[in-house]
């Protein structure tokens, strides 16, 4: 029996690897979805008579609170402050380079919060969690937020509970699972 050379052994290993790959199921899911790390907060804003408030884009802001290490966060330093957009605009802006209409139809076609009175703000991974470099890796600490509304003489703040910050990764289900934070402006 003849001994195989190193090149022949290497070639056999490569062939074995390719054969193994070819017999694996073809429907293997990717490790991450295109929205991995992206979070969304949705607000439903109404007046004292439960009518939707439709002109609050300039009046509604998400503010980070209670983070003594905010200046140490990597990629999103200091306490965050982000404006809310109309929900439809916020979801359309998730990936501007892609066809936003198709994205919304695919992942949020049945969302009830793409109408008047609903506002949303998106957070990337570094905005949702304070990422502090440590030993060649990162230590993650979830950020805490409040929503501020200020218009005319009306000022109101509402804390955002952790369960109202929704992952957009589609492994969690359709985006219609997002339950808006109800805020009534008196």
Protein backbone atom coordinates (compact mmCIF):
# COMPACT_ATOMS: atom_id res chain seq x y z
CA UNK A 1 0.00 0.00 0.00
CA UNK A 2 1.32 3.39 -1.01
CA UNK A 3 1.71 6.27 1.49
CA UNK A 4 -0.07 9.56 0.77
CA UNK A 5 1.97 12.72 0.45
CA UNK A 6 1.21 15.77 2.54
CA UNK A 7 -0.41 17.48 -0.48
CA UNK A 8 -2.63 14.46 -1.15
CA UNK A 9 -3.66 14.28 2.52
CA UNK A 10 -4.53 17.96 2.48
CA UNK A 11 -6.54 17.49 -0.70
CA UNK A 12 -8.44 14.57 0.84
CA UNK A 13 -9.29 16.67 3.93
CA UNK A 14 -10.59 19.45 1.71
CA UNK A 15 -12.70 17.03 -0.30
CA UNK A 16 -14.10 15.47 2.88
CA UNK A 17 -14.97 18.95 4.21
CA UNK A 18 -16.75 19.89 0.95
CA UNK A 19 -18.69 16.60 0.93
CA UNK A 20 -19.80 17.23 4.53
CA UNK A 21 -20.94 20.74 3.59
CA UNK A 22 -22.89 19.45 0.62
CA UNK A 23 -24.93 16.97 2.67
CA UNK A 24 -25.93 19.47 5.37
CA UNK A 25 -29.51 20.76 5.19
CA UNK A 26 -29.83 23.73 2.87
CA UNK A 27 -32.11 25.72 5.17
CA UNK A 28 -29.54 26.51 7.84
CA UNK A 29 -30.31 29.93 9.31
CA UNK A 30 -27.67 32.61 9.49
CA UNK A 31 -26.23 33.39 12.89
CA UNK A 32 -27.54 36.96 12.95
CA UNK A 33 -30.48 38.73 11.40
CA UNK A 34 -29.97 42.02 9.53
CA UNK A 35 -31.35 43.96 12.52
CA UNK A 36 -29.23 42.25 15.19
CA UNK A 37 -28.41 44.74 17.94
CA UNK A 38 -31.05 47.26 16.82
CA UNK A 39 -33.72 48.26 19.35
CA UNK A 40 -36.86 50.37 19.02
CA UNK A 41 -39.04 52.28 21.46
CA UNK A 42 -42.54 53.23 20.28
CA UNK A 43 -44.79 55.82 21.92
CA UNK A 44 -48.50 56.50 21.45
CA UNK A 45 -49.20 60.14 22.30
CA UNK A 46 -52.78 61.27 22.96
CA UNK A 47 -54.48 64.32 24.43
CA UNK A 48 -56.96 64.42 27.34
CA UNK A 49 -59.78 63.32 24.98
CA UNK A 50 -57.76 60.33 23.63
CA UNK A 51 -57.20 62.04 20.28
CA UNK A 52 -53.79 61.33 18.71
CA UNK A 53 -51.26 64.16 18.98
CA UNK A 54 -49.80 64.47 15.49
CA UNK A 55 -47.41 67.42 15.81
CA UNK A 56 -44.99 66.27 18.53
CA UNK A 57 -41.86 65.46 16.51
CA UNK A 58 -40.04 68.54 17.84
CA UNK A 59 -41.43 68.04 21.36
CA UNK A 60 -40.58 64.41 22.11
CA UNK A 61 -37.11 63.19 23.12
CA UNK A 62 -35.54 60.06 24.59
CA UNK A 63 -33.01 60.81 27.36
CA UNK A 64 -30.60 58.48 29.08
CA UNK A 65 -30.65 58.66 32.88
CA UNK A 66 -28.72 57.18 35.82
CA UNK A 67 -25.45 56.31 34.09
CA UNK A 68 -22.44 57.46 36.11
CA UNK A 69 -20.12 55.83 33.53
CA UNK A 70 -21.64 57.51 30.46
CA UNK A 71 -18.36 59.17 29.46
CA UNK A 72 -16.62 55.77 29.45
CA UNK A 73 -19.07 54.19 27.00
CA UNK A 74 -17.46 53.21 23.71
CA UNK A 75 -19.10 54.27 20.40
CA UNK A 76 -21.83 56.30 22.15
CA UNK A 77 -20.20 58.47 24.81
CA UNK A 78 -22.00 60.65 27.33
CA UNK A 79 -25.65 60.58 28.31
CA UNK A 80 -27.70 59.98 25.17
CA UNK A 81 -30.48 62.20 23.93
CA UNK A 82 -32.33 61.22 20.76
CA UNK A 83 -35.40 62.76 19.12
CA UNK A 84 -38.45 60.67 18.32
CA UNK A 85 -39.67 60.49 14.72
CA UNK A 86 -43.04 59.58 13.32
CA UNK A 87 -43.15 55.77 13.61
CA UNK A 88 -43.26 55.19 9.88
CA UNK A 89 -40.19 57.41 9.40
CA UNK A 90 -38.30 55.76 12.26
CA UNK A 91 -38.85 52.27 10.87
CA UNK A 92 -38.03 53.46 7.33
CA UNK A 93 -34.72 54.91 8.54
CA UNK A 94 -33.45 51.66 10.07
CA UNK A 95 -31.45 50.80 6.96
CA UNK A 96 -31.56 53.76 4.61
CA UNK A 97 -29.61 51.98 1.87
CA UNK A 98 -32.30 49.32 1.48
CA UNK A 99 -35.81 49.67 0.12
CA UNK A 100 -37.58 50.81 3.28
CA UNK A 101 -41.06 50.19 1.86
CA UNK A 102 -40.23 46.51 1.29
CA UNK A 103 -38.66 46.23 4.76
CA UNK A 104 -41.75 47.67 6.43
CA UNK A 105 -44.05 45.40 4.42
CA UNK A 106 -42.01 42.33 5.27
CA UNK A 107 -41.42 42.93 8.98
CA UNK A 108 -44.09 45.43 9.98
CA UNK A 109 -46.89 45.16 7.44
CA UNK A 110 -49.39 44.35 10.20
CA UNK A 111 -48.10 46.92 12.72
CA UNK A 112 -50.88 49.07 14.16
CA UNK A 113 -48.46 51.81 15.22
CA UNK A 114 -47.60 53.25 11.80
CA UNK A 115 -50.42 55.79 11.97
CA UNK A 116 -51.12 59.19 13.53
CA UNK A 117 -50.05 59.74 17.12
CA UNK A 118 -47.32 57.10 17.13
CA UNK A 119 -43.64 58.01 17.43
CA UNK A 120 -40.53 55.86 17.59
CA UNK A 121 -36.81 56.07 18.18
CA UNK A 122 -34.20 53.51 17.15
CA UNK A 123 -31.15 52.52 19.17
CA UNK A 124 -28.11 50.70 17.88
CA UNK A 125 -26.24 48.24 20.09
CA UNK A 126 -23.93 50.87 21.61
CA UNK A 127 -26.88 53.15 22.36
CA UNK A 128 -28.96 50.40 23.99
CA UNK A 129 -26.06 49.22 26.18
CA UNK A 130 -23.08 51.13 27.49
CA UNK A 131 -20.09 49.22 26.13
CA UNK A 132 -16.96 49.73 28.23
CA UNK A 133 -13.69 48.24 26.98
CA UNK A 134 -12.17 45.78 29.42
CA UNK A 135 -9.37 43.25 28.87
CA UNK A 136 -9.67 43.28 25.08
CA UNK A 137 -13.43 42.79 25.19
CA UNK A 138 -16.46 44.81 26.32
CA UNK A 139 -18.50 44.95 29.48
CA UNK A 140 -22.16 45.67 28.64
CA UNK A 141 -24.46 47.63 30.90
CA UNK A 142 -28.05 48.29 29.77
CA UNK A 143 -28.85 51.97 29.60
CA UNK A 144 -31.89 53.47 31.33
CA UNK A 145 -34.13 56.00 29.63
CA UNK A 146 -36.95 58.44 30.10
CA UNK A 147 -39.15 60.12 27.54
CA UNK A 148 -39.49 63.88 27.74
CA UNK A 149 -42.34 65.85 26.22
CA UNK A 150 -42.18 69.64 26.22
CA UNK A 151 -44.52 71.87 24.25
CA UNK A 152 -45.97 75.26 25.09
CA UNK A 153 -46.31 75.17 28.89
CA UNK A 154 -46.70 71.40 29.14
CA UNK A 155 -43.80 69.32 30.44
CA UNK A 156 -44.02 65.62 31.10
CA UNK A 157 -41.53 62.78 31.61
CA UNK A 158 -42.14 59.05 31.58
CA UNK A 159 -39.57 56.38 32.51
CA UNK A 160 -39.02 53.64 29.97
CA UNK A 161 -39.08 50.15 31.44
CA UNK A 162 -36.64 47.63 30.03
CA UNK A 163 -39.47 45.52 28.58
CA UNK A 164 -40.52 48.45 26.36
CA UNK A 165 -37.18 48.50 24.53
CA UNK A 166 -37.75 45.98 21.75
CA UNK A 167 -35.16 44.09 19.77
CA UNK A 168 -35.84 44.25 16.05
CA UNK A 169 -34.11 40.94 15.42
CA UNK A 170 -36.73 38.96 13.56
CA UNK A 171 -35.96 35.79 15.52
CA UNK A 172 -38.13 37.43 18.22
CA UNK A 173 -41.08 37.59 15.83
CA UNK A 174 -42.74 40.23 13.69
CA UNK A 175 -42.41 43.84 14.76
CA UNK A 176 -46.14 43.95 15.42
CA UNK A 177 -45.24 42.39 18.81
CA UNK A 178 -44.02 45.84 19.90
CA UNK A 179 -46.40 47.40 22.41
CA UNK A 180 -46.23 51.21 22.40
CA UNK A 181 -45.82 53.22 25.59
CA UNK A 182 -49.07 55.09 26.15
CA UNK A 183 -48.59 58.76 27.10
CA UNK A 184 -51.57 61.01 27.68
CA UNK A 185 -50.85 64.74 27.59
CA UNK A 186 -53.32 66.58 29.82
